Amino acid sequence: MTPDANAIAQTIQLSVTPVFLLVATGSLLNVFTGRLARVVDRSRVLIEQWGTTEGREHERLVAELRVVDRRMDIINNSIAAAVACGIVVCLLVALLFAQAFVGFNLGAAAAWVFALAMLLLLASLLLFLVEVRLATRTIHVPLELLELEEMGWRKRQGGR
């Protein structure tokens, strides 16, 4: 191998970890966009119902629309952070190759860029957690249904 081929091989080896991070970020983006699609679908259903409701039902629907709108904002921010993470990881790989071919020591810059990628990934995951928590807090099973199910279960168990 020539020295250039050795440098290329070493740079590719160094790039493996950031590339795995890029693949993981892409997988997360797939999950995030799937959630966004579901929230958008739910908002469309609620918007269609908006004109047909009155009173308490209308208030409940408007409250849910507000939550759905907030969830869309949070998911969009999570997606933006994940995309920024992917861009920074690509920059990291470019820095590693630039270091190999230009001859400058870019190790400190690469370390900072990697840390930035990790922070963006962390922000993305935290936003995702916030969105999931918000979604689960807004799902309400009517108490009557729970009581009916419990009563039916007790009858099946012999009245205990």
C-alpha atoms as a PDB file:
ATOM      1  CA  MET A   1       0.000   0.000   0.000  1.00  0.00           C
ATOM      2  CA  THR A   2       1.160   3.489  -0.725  1.00  0.00           C
ATOM      3  CA  PRO A   3       1.132   6.070   2.091  1.00  0.00           C
ATOM      4  CA  ASP A   4      -1.965   7.659   0.560  1.00  0.00           C
ATOM      5  CA  ALA A   5      -3.766   4.310   0.546  1.00  0.00           C
ATOM      6  CA  ASN A   6      -2.783   3.760   4.196  1.00  0.00           C
ATOM      7  CA  ALA A   7      -4.124   7.193   5.118  1.00  0.00           C
ATOM      8  CA  ILE A   8      -7.374   6.455   3.306  1.00  0.00           C
ATOM      9  CA  ALA A   9      -7.721   3.090   5.072  1.00  0.00           C
ATOM     10  CA  GLN A  10      -7.077   4.644   8.490  1.00  0.00           C
ATOM     11  CA  THR A  11      -9.513   7.476   7.797  1.00  0.00           C
ATOM     12  CA  ILE A  12     -12.199   5.026   6.747  1.00  0.00           C
ATOM     13  CA  GLN A  13     -11.614   3.073   9.968  1.00  0.00           C
ATOM     14  CA  LEU A  14     -11.945   6.283  11.990  1.00  0.00           C
ATOM     15  CA  SER A  15     -15.140   7.155  10.118  1.00  0.00           C
ATOM     16  CA  VAL A  16     -16.936   3.928  11.020  1.00  0.00           C
ATOM     17  CA  THR A  17     -18.245   5.152  14.394  1.00  0.00           C
ATOM     18  CA  PRO A  18     -19.633   8.424  13.030  1.00  0.00           C
ATOM     19  CA  VAL A  19     -21.230   6.527  10.156  1.00  0.00           C
ATOM     20  CA  PHE A  20     -22.985   4.199  12.632  1.00  0.00           C
ATOM     21  CA  LEU A  21     -24.241   7.325  14.380  1.00  0.00           C
ATOM     22  CA  LEU A  22     -25.506   8.591  11.044  1.00  0.00           C
ATOM     23  CA  VAL A  23     -27.365   5.314  10.413  1.00  0.00           C
ATOM     24  CA  ALA A  24     -28.917   5.444  13.892  1.00  0.00           C
ATOM     25  CA  THR A  25     -29.966   9.049  13.337  1.00  0.00           C
ATOM     26  CA  GLY A  26     -31.600   8.058  10.056  1.00  0.00           C
ATOM     27  CA  SER A  27     -33.518   5.310  11.828  1.00  0.00           C
ATOM     28  CA  LEU A  28     -34.691   7.761  14.472  1.00  0.00           C
ATOM     29  CA  LEU A  29     -35.818  10.155  11.758  1.00  0.00           C
ATOM     30  CA  ASN A  30     -37.920   7.352  10.334  1.00  0.00           C
ATOM     31  CA  VAL A  31     -39.619   6.890  13.714  1.00  0.00           C
ATOM     32  CA  PHE A  32     -40.081  10.638  14.213  1.00  0.00           C
ATOM     33  CA  THR A  33     -41.641  11.178  10.795  1.00  0.00           C
ATOM     34  CA  GLY A  34     -43.968   8.233  11.403  1.00  0.00           C
ATOM     35  CA  ARG A  35     -45.167   9.851  14.626  1.00  0.00           C
ATOM     36  CA  LEU A  36     -45.548  13.176  12.875  1.00  0.00           C
ATOM     37  CA  ALA A  37     -47.691  11.532  10.195  1.00  0.00           C
ATOM     38  CA  ARG A  38     -49.967  10.009  12.848  1.00  0.00           C
ATOM     39  CA  VAL A  39     -50.338  13.353  14.634  1.00  0.00           C
ATOM     40  CA  VAL A  40     -51.112  15.117  11.360  1.00  0.00           C
ATOM     41  CA  ASP A  41     -53.729  12.466  10.566  1.00  0.00           C
ATOM     42  CA  ARG A  42     -55.292  12.971  13.999  1.00  0.00           C
ATOM     43  CA  SER A  43     -55.362  16.740  13.503  1.00  0.00           C
ATOM     44  CA  ARG A  44     -57.183  16.290  10.193  1.00  0.00           C
ATOM     45  CA  VAL A  45     -59.845  14.139  11.868  1.00  0.00           C
ATOM     46  CA  LEU A  46     -60.291  16.716  14.618  1.00  0.00           C
ATOM     47  CA  ILE A  47     -60.470  19.579  12.120  1.00  0.00           C
ATOM     48  CA  GLU A  48     -63.205  17.742  10.210  1.00  0.00           C
ATOM     49  CA  GLN A  49     -65.179  17.308  13.440  1.00  0.00           C
ATOM     50  CA  TRP A  50     -64.659  20.899  14.614  1.00  0.00           C
ATOM     51  CA  GLY A  51     -67.703  22.365  12.834  1.00  0.00           C
ATOM     52  CA  THR A  52     -70.037  19.588  13.937  1.00  0.00           C
ATOM     53  CA  THR A  53     -69.525  19.785  17.704  1.00  0.00           C
ATOM     54  CA  GLU A  54     -71.032  21.992  20.376  1.00  0.00           C
ATOM     55  CA  GLY A  55     -70.735  22.606  24.104  1.00  0.00           C
ATOM     56  CA  ARG A  56     -68.484  20.366  26.168  1.00  0.00           C
ATOM     57  CA  GLU A  57     -67.634  18.143  23.219  1.00  0.00           C
ATOM     58  CA  HIS A  58     -66.485  21.197  21.233  1.00  0.00           C
ATOM     59  CA  GLU A  59     -64.363  22.394  24.168  1.00  0.00           C
ATOM     60  CA  ARG A  60     -62.782  18.934  24.449  1.00  0.00           C
ATOM     61  CA  LEU A  61     -62.088  18.875  20.721  1.00  0.00           C
ATOM     62  CA  VAL A  62     -60.488  22.350  20.774  1.00  0.00           C
ATOM     63  CA  ALA A  63     -58.354  21.336  23.770  1.00  0.00           C
ATOM     64  CA  GLU A  64     -57.192  18.226  21.919  1.00  0.00           C
ATOM     65  CA  LEU A  65     -56.451  20.297  18.816  1.00  0.00           C
ATOM     66  CA  ARG A  66     -54.218  22.540  20.935  1.00  0.00           C
ATOM     67  CA  VAL A  67     -52.334  19.514  22.251  1.00  0.00           C
ATOM     68  CA  VAL A  68     -52.013  18.030  18.763  1.00  0.00           C
ATOM     69  CA  ASP A  69     -50.642  21.345  17.499  1.00  0.00           C
ATOM     70  CA  ARG A  70     -48.112  21.393  20.347  1.00  0.00           C
ATOM     71  CA  ARG A  71     -47.129  17.795  19.605  1.00  0.00           C
ATOM     72  CA  MET A  72     -46.506  18.692  15.946  1.00  0.00           C
ATOM     73  CA  ASP A  73     -44.219  21.536  17.029  1.00  0.00           C
ATOM     74  CA  ILE A  74     -42.285  19.271  19.387  1.00  0.00           C
ATOM     75  CA  ILE A  75     -41.896  16.515  16.781  1.00  0.00           C
ATOM     76  CA  ASN A  76     -40.784  19.063  14.176  1.00  0.00           C
ATOM     77  CA  ASN A  77     -38.147  20.345  16.596  1.00  0.00           C
ATOM     78  CA  SER A  78     -37.045  16.786  17.299  1.00  0.00           C
ATOM     79  CA  ILE A  79     -36.737  16.148  13.571  1.00  0.00           C
ATOM     80  CA  ALA A  80     -34.777  19.384  13.118  1.00  0.00           C
ATOM     81  CA  ALA A  81     -32.335  18.396  15.874  1.00  0.00           C
ATOM     82  CA  ALA A  82     -31.902  14.905  14.373  1.00  0.00           C
ATOM     83  CA  VAL A  83     -31.301  16.338  10.893  1.00  0.00           C
ATOM     84  CA  ALA A  84     -28.789  18.812  12.348  1.00  0.00           C
ATOM     85  CA  CYS A  85     -27.103  15.868  14.085  1.00  0.00           C
ATOM     86  CA  GLY A  86     -26.852  14.054  10.749  1.00  0.00           C
ATOM     87  CA  ILE A  87     -25.375  17.129   9.070  1.00  0.00           C
ATOM     88  CA  VAL A  88     -22.825  17.541  11.864  1.00  0.00           C
ATOM     89  CA  VAL A  89     -21.866  13.856  11.602  1.00  0.00           C
ATOM     90  CA  CYS A  90     -21.274  14.348   7.866  1.00  0.00           C
ATOM     91  CA  LEU A  91     -19.124  17.357   8.723  1.00  0.00           C
ATOM     92  CA  LEU A  92     -17.198  15.174  11.171  1.00  0.00           C
ATOM     93  CA  VAL A  93     -16.468  12.593   8.490  1.00  0.00           C
ATOM     94  CA  ALA A  94     -15.368  15.393   6.146  1.00  0.00           C
ATOM     95  CA  LEU A  95     -13.062  16.738   8.863  1.00  0.00           C
ATOM     96  CA  LEU A  96     -11.512  13.304   9.333  1.00  0.00           C
ATOM     97  CA  PHE A  97     -10.791  13.046   5.616  1.00  0.00           C
ATOM     98  CA  ALA A  98      -9.523  16.630   5.475  1.00  0.00           C
ATOM     99  CA  GLN A  99      -7.124  15.858   8.310  1.00  0.00           C
ATOM    100  CA  ALA A 100      -5.805  12.820   6.433  1.00  0.00           C
ATOM    101  CA  PHE A 101      -5.192  14.695   3.184  1.00  0.00           C
ATOM    102  CA  VAL A 102      -4.400  18.268   4.213  1.00  0.00           C
ATOM    103  CA  GLY A 103      -2.074  17.305   6.992  1.00  0.00           C
ATOM    104  CA  PHE A 104      -3.488  19.703   9.584  1.00  0.00           C
ATOM    105  CA  ASN A 105      -4.205  18.352  13.025  1.00  0.00           C
ATOM    106  CA  LEU A 106      -7.977  18.677  13.219  1.00  0.00           C
ATOM    107  CA  GLY A 107      -8.364  16.299  16.154  1.00  0.00           C
ATOM    108  CA  ALA A 108      -9.645  18.982  18.534  1.00  0.00           C
ATOM    109  CA  ALA A 109     -12.134  20.231  15.940  1.00  0.00           C
ATOM    110  CA  ALA A 110     -13.289  16.682  15.264  1.00  0.00           C
ATOM    111  CA  ALA A 111     -13.794  16.095  18.990  1.00  0.00           C
ATOM    112  CA  TRP A 112     -15.886  19.276  19.311  1.00  0.00           C
ATOM    113  CA  VAL A 113     -17.928  18.380  16.246  1.00  0.00           C
ATOM    114  CA  PHE A 114     -18.541  14.888  17.632  1.00  0.00           C
ATOM    115  CA  ALA A 115     -19.634  16.394  20.965  1.00  0.00           C
ATOM    116  CA  LEU A 116     -21.992  18.735  19.101  1.00  0.00           C
ATOM    117  CA  ALA A 117     -23.480  15.771  17.223  1.00  0.00           C
ATOM    118  CA  MET A 118     -24.064  13.977  20.527  1.00  0.00           C
ATOM    119  CA  LEU A 119     -25.739  17.062  22.020  1.00  0.00           C
ATOM    120  CA  LEU A 120     -28.021  17.384  18.999  1.00  0.00           C
ATOM    121  CA  LEU A 121     -28.902  13.704  19.231  1.00  0.00           C
ATOM    122  CA  LEU A 122     -29.600  14.135  22.948  1.00  0.00           C
ATOM    123  CA  ALA A 123     -31.831  17.146  22.248  1.00  0.00           C
ATOM    124  CA  SER A 124     -33.696  15.185  19.600  1.00  0.00           C
ATOM    125  CA  LEU A 125     -34.287  12.248  21.926  1.00  0.00           C
ATOM    126  CA  LEU A 126     -35.368  14.489  24.803  1.00  0.00           C
ATOM    127  CA  LEU A 127     -37.865  16.261  22.556  1.00  0.00           C
ATOM    128  CA  PHE A 128     -39.148  12.882  21.430  1.00  0.00           C
ATOM    129  CA  LEU A 129     -39.594  11.874  25.065  1.00  0.00           C
ATOM    130  CA  VAL A 130     -41.511  15.092  25.763  1.00  0.00           C
ATOM    131  CA  GLU A 131     -43.802  14.429  22.789  1.00  0.00           C
ATOM    132  CA  VAL A 132     -44.469  10.841  23.836  1.00  0.00           C
ATOM    133  CA  ARG A 133     -45.227  11.935  27.412  1.00  0.00           C
ATOM    134  CA  LEU A 134     -47.557  14.650  26.125  1.00  0.00           C
ATOM    135  CA  ALA A 135     -49.325  12.127  23.911  1.00  0.00           C
ATOM    136  CA  THR A 136     -49.845   9.646  26.719  1.00  0.00           C
ATOM    137  CA  ARG A 137     -51.090  12.332  29.109  1.00  0.00           C
ATOM    138  CA  THR A 138     -53.760  13.438  26.657  1.00  0.00           C
ATOM    139  CA  ILE A 139     -55.159   9.985  25.986  1.00  0.00           C
ATOM    140  CA  HIS A 140     -58.106   9.605  28.310  1.00  0.00           C
ATOM    141  CA  VAL A 141     -60.121   6.443  28.579  1.00  0.00           C
ATOM    142  CA  PRO A 142     -63.599   7.385  29.767  1.00  0.00           C
ATOM    143  CA  LEU A 143     -64.056   6.264  33.343  1.00  0.00           C
ATOM    144  CA  GLU A 144     -67.396   4.703  32.508  1.00  0.00           C
ATOM    145  CA  LEU A 145     -65.654   2.276  30.181  1.00  0.00           C
ATOM    146  CA  LEU A 146     -63.198   1.285  32.850  1.00  0.00           C
ATOM    147  CA  GLU A 147     -65.967   0.733  35.377  1.00  0.00           C
ATOM    148  CA  LEU A 148     -68.004  -1.339  32.943  1.00  0.00           C
ATOM    149  CA  GLU A 149     -65.005  -3.462  32.086  1.00  0.00           C
ATOM    150  CA  GLU A 150     -64.187  -3.951  35.771  1.00  0.00           C
ATOM    151  CA  MET A 151     -67.779  -4.918  36.558  1.00  0.00           C
ATOM    152  CA  GLY A 152     -67.792  -7.387  33.673  1.00  0.00           C
ATOM    153  CA  TRP A 153     -64.524  -8.857  34.871  1.00  0.00           C
ATOM    154  CA  ARG A 154     -65.908  -9.287  38.399  1.00  0.00           C
ATOM    155  CA  LYS A 155     -69.000 -11.058  37.073  1.00  0.00           C
ATOM    156  CA  ARG A 156     -66.813 -13.437  35.059  1.00  0.00           C
ATOM    157  CA  GLN A 157     -64.751 -14.150  38.209  1.00  0.00           C
ATOM    158  CA  GLY A 158     -67.840 -15.266  40.150  1.00  0.00           C
ATOM    159  CA  GLY A 159     -68.765 -11.976  41.826  1.00  0.00           C
ATOM    160  CA  ARG A 160     -65.544 -11.454  43.802  1.00  0.00           C
END
